[in-house]
Amino acid sequence: MGVKLIVLYPPAKDQAAFDARYEREHLPMGAENLAGATRLVSSRIIGSPSGAPAFVRITEVSFPSKEVLQATAKSAGGKKTIANAVEISSGGAPVFLVAEENA
């Protein structure tokens, strides 16, 4: 069964700087280094019915299995990409979740 690594980014101290680094640096790094991934989707949060959203960006990286996700995360490229996600998130640490996909 497929799984997703979901990364939730809180609002940044400087949102324009975060967006620039995320789009120019982090997304290409993920595409290059997450060899086991089957799909990468990035979404920008533009609002929330309950007020200011707790997160401004969501990244979903799909893998064919939990084992492939774990192997990718343990690889040099996976470690580099995860460390970069933490480093660019100037508004606080991103939240990492693993979700099982249901048909």
C-alpha atoms as a PDB file:
ATOM      1  CA  MET A   1       0.000   0.000   0.000  1.00  0.00           C
ATOM      2  CA  GLY A   2       1.316   3.460  -0.884  1.00  0.00           C
ATOM      3  CA  VAL A   3       2.345   6.022   1.701  1.00  0.00           C
ATOM      4  CA  LYS A   4       2.980   9.750   1.722  1.00  0.00           C
ATOM      5  CA  LEU A   5       5.451  11.876   3.572  1.00  0.00           C
ATOM      6  CA  ILE A   6       3.576  15.083   4.360  1.00  0.00           C
ATOM      7  CA  VAL A   7       5.544  18.173   5.376  1.00  0.00           C
ATOM      8  CA  LEU A   8       3.666  21.140   6.875  1.00  0.00           C
ATOM      9  CA  TYR A   9       5.518  24.467   6.982  1.00  0.00           C
ATOM     10  CA  PRO A  10       4.473  27.171   9.490  1.00  0.00           C
ATOM     11  CA  PRO A  11       4.412  30.851   8.473  1.00  0.00           C
ATOM     12  CA  ALA A  12       7.965  32.101   7.959  1.00  0.00           C
ATOM     13  CA  LYS A  13       9.625  35.125   9.520  1.00  0.00           C
ATOM     14  CA  ASP A  14      10.161  36.416   5.970  1.00  0.00           C
ATOM     15  CA  GLN A  15       7.612  34.687   3.736  1.00  0.00           C
ATOM     16  CA  ALA A  16       9.051  35.997   0.452  1.00  0.00           C
ATOM     17  CA  ALA A  17      12.531  34.700   1.353  1.00  0.00           C
ATOM     18  CA  PHE A  18      11.093  31.315   2.380  1.00  0.00           C
ATOM     19  CA  ASP A  19       9.075  31.036  -0.835  1.00  0.00           C
ATOM     20  CA  ALA A  20      12.131  31.851  -2.950  1.00  0.00           C
ATOM     21  CA  ARG A  21      14.332  29.272  -1.229  1.00  0.00           C
ATOM     22  CA  TYR A  22      11.560  26.661  -1.191  1.00  0.00           C
ATOM     23  CA  GLU A  23      10.874  27.007  -4.916  1.00  0.00           C
ATOM     24  CA  ARG A  24      14.446  27.554  -6.189  1.00  0.00           C
ATOM     25  CA  GLU A  25      16.365  25.334  -3.788  1.00  0.00           C
ATOM     26  CA  HIS A  26      14.224  22.875  -1.869  1.00  0.00           C
ATOM     27  CA  LEU A  27      11.838  21.545  -4.528  1.00  0.00           C
ATOM     28  CA  PRO A  28      14.631  20.850  -7.046  1.00  0.00           C
ATOM     29  CA  MET A  29      16.660  19.204  -4.258  1.00  0.00           C
ATOM     30  CA  GLY A  30      13.747  16.926  -3.411  1.00  0.00           C
ATOM     31  CA  ALA A  31      13.168  16.004  -7.053  1.00  0.00           C
ATOM     32  CA  GLU A  32      16.861  15.136  -7.406  1.00  0.00           C
ATOM     33  CA  ASN A  33      17.465  13.362  -4.090  1.00  0.00           C
ATOM     34  CA  LEU A  34      14.274  11.461  -3.249  1.00  0.00           C
ATOM     35  CA  ALA A  35      14.911   8.630  -5.682  1.00  0.00           C
ATOM     36  CA  GLY A  36      12.231   6.298  -4.278  1.00  0.00           C
ATOM     37  CA  ALA A  37       9.447   8.859  -4.586  1.00  0.00           C
ATOM     38  CA  THR A  38       6.727   8.345  -7.182  1.00  0.00           C
ATOM     39  CA  ARG A  39       5.110  11.794  -6.921  1.00  0.00           C
ATOM     40  CA  LEU A  40       5.731  15.178  -5.307  1.00  0.00           C
ATOM     41  CA  VAL A  41       2.928  17.704  -4.831  1.00  0.00           C
ATOM     42  CA  SER A  42       3.452  21.153  -3.342  1.00  0.00           C
ATOM     43  CA  SER A  43       0.551  23.332  -2.221  1.00  0.00           C
ATOM     44  CA  ARG A  44       0.542  26.935  -1.008  1.00  0.00           C
ATOM     45  CA  ILE A  45      -2.086  27.619   1.656  1.00  0.00           C
ATOM     46  CA  ILE A  46      -4.017  30.771   0.763  1.00  0.00           C
ATOM     47  CA  GLY A  47      -6.524  30.921   3.604  1.00  0.00           C
ATOM     48  CA  SER A  48      -8.546  29.170   6.257  1.00  0.00           C
ATOM     49  CA  PRO A  49     -12.220  29.508   7.299  1.00  0.00           C
ATOM     50  CA  SER A  50     -11.048  29.737  10.919  1.00  0.00           C
ATOM     51  CA  GLY A  51      -8.646  32.676  10.469  1.00  0.00           C
ATOM     52  CA  ALA A  52      -4.922  32.742   9.862  1.00  0.00           C
ATOM     53  CA  PRO A  53      -3.730  29.290   8.771  1.00  0.00           C
ATOM     54  CA  ALA A  54      -1.255  27.434  10.985  1.00  0.00           C
ATOM     55  CA  PHE A  55       0.684  26.348   7.897  1.00  0.00           C
ATOM     56  CA  VAL A  56       1.555  28.166   4.688  1.00  0.00           C
ATOM     57  CA  ARG A  57       2.918  25.336   2.566  1.00  0.00           C
ATOM     58  CA  ILE A  58       2.232  21.600   2.368  1.00  0.00           C
ATOM     59  CA  THR A  59       4.441  19.156   0.534  1.00  0.00           C
ATOM     60  CA  GLU A  60       3.271  15.611  -0.162  1.00  0.00           C
ATOM     61  CA  VAL A  61       5.805  13.046  -1.366  1.00  0.00           C
ATOM     62  CA  SER A  62       4.346   9.681  -2.415  1.00  0.00           C
ATOM     63  CA  PHE A  63       6.167   6.360  -2.113  1.00  0.00           C
ATOM     64  CA  PRO A  64       5.091   2.835  -3.107  1.00  0.00           C
ATOM     65  CA  SER A  65       5.584   1.547   0.460  1.00  0.00           C
ATOM     66  CA  LYS A  66       6.634   2.555   3.961  1.00  0.00           C
ATOM     67  CA  GLU A  67       9.852   0.608   3.477  1.00  0.00           C
ATOM     68  CA  VAL A  68      10.785   2.630   0.377  1.00  0.00           C
ATOM     69  CA  LEU A  69      10.033   5.871   2.232  1.00  0.00           C
ATOM     70  CA  GLN A  70      12.238   4.777   5.143  1.00  0.00           C
ATOM     71  CA  ALA A  71      15.092   3.758   2.838  1.00  0.00           C
ATOM     72  CA  THR A  72      14.858   7.059   0.965  1.00  0.00           C
ATOM     73  CA  ALA A  73      14.834   9.042   4.234  1.00  0.00           C
ATOM     74  CA  LYS A  74      17.949   7.168   5.419  1.00  0.00           C
ATOM     75  CA  SER A  75      19.844   7.792   2.174  1.00  0.00           C
ATOM     76  CA  ALA A  76      22.365  10.639   1.889  1.00  0.00           C
ATOM     77  CA  GLY A  77      20.032  12.526  -0.457  1.00  0.00           C
ATOM     78  CA  GLY A  78      17.046  11.985   1.820  1.00  0.00           C
ATOM     79  CA  LYS A  79      18.954  13.232   4.869  1.00  0.00           C
ATOM     80  CA  LYS A  80      20.152  16.282   2.928  1.00  0.00           C
ATOM     81  CA  THR A  81      16.619  17.124   1.753  1.00  0.00           C
ATOM     82  CA  ILE A  82      15.059  16.677   5.199  1.00  0.00           C
ATOM     83  CA  ALA A  83      17.779  18.818   6.790  1.00  0.00           C
ATOM     84  CA  ASN A  84      17.147  21.505   4.174  1.00  0.00           C
ATOM     85  CA  ALA A  85      13.401  21.456   4.928  1.00  0.00           C
ATOM     86  CA  VAL A  86      14.175  22.158   8.579  1.00  0.00           C
ATOM     87  CA  GLU A  87      16.801  24.797   7.742  1.00  0.00           C
ATOM     88  CA  ILE A  88      14.602  26.887   5.419  1.00  0.00           C
ATOM     89  CA  SER A  89      11.594  26.831   7.784  1.00  0.00           C
ATOM     90  CA  SER A  90      12.344  30.115   9.575  1.00  0.00           C
ATOM     91  CA  GLY A  91       8.977  30.304  11.353  1.00  0.00           C
ATOM     92  CA  GLY A  92       9.574  27.133  13.359  1.00  0.00           C
ATOM     93  CA  ALA A  93      10.208  23.490  12.650  1.00  0.00           C
ATOM     94  CA  PRO A  94       8.102  21.900   9.920  1.00  0.00           C
ATOM     95  CA  VAL A  95       5.781  19.068  10.906  1.00  0.00           C
ATOM     96  CA  PHE A  96       6.554  15.710   9.288  1.00  0.00           C
ATOM     97  CA  LEU A  97       3.772  13.120   8.993  1.00  0.00           C
ATOM     98  CA  VAL A  98       3.572   9.713   7.336  1.00  0.00           C
ATOM     99  CA  ALA A  99       0.159   8.804   5.949  1.00  0.00           C
ATOM    100  CA  GLU A 100      -1.108   5.564   4.478  1.00  0.00           C
ATOM    101  CA  GLU A 101      -3.018   6.074   1.245  1.00  0.00           C
ATOM    102  CA  ASN A 102      -6.509   4.600   1.012  1.00  0.00           C
ATOM    103  CA  ALA A 103      -8.220   3.884  -2.278  1.00  0.00           C
END
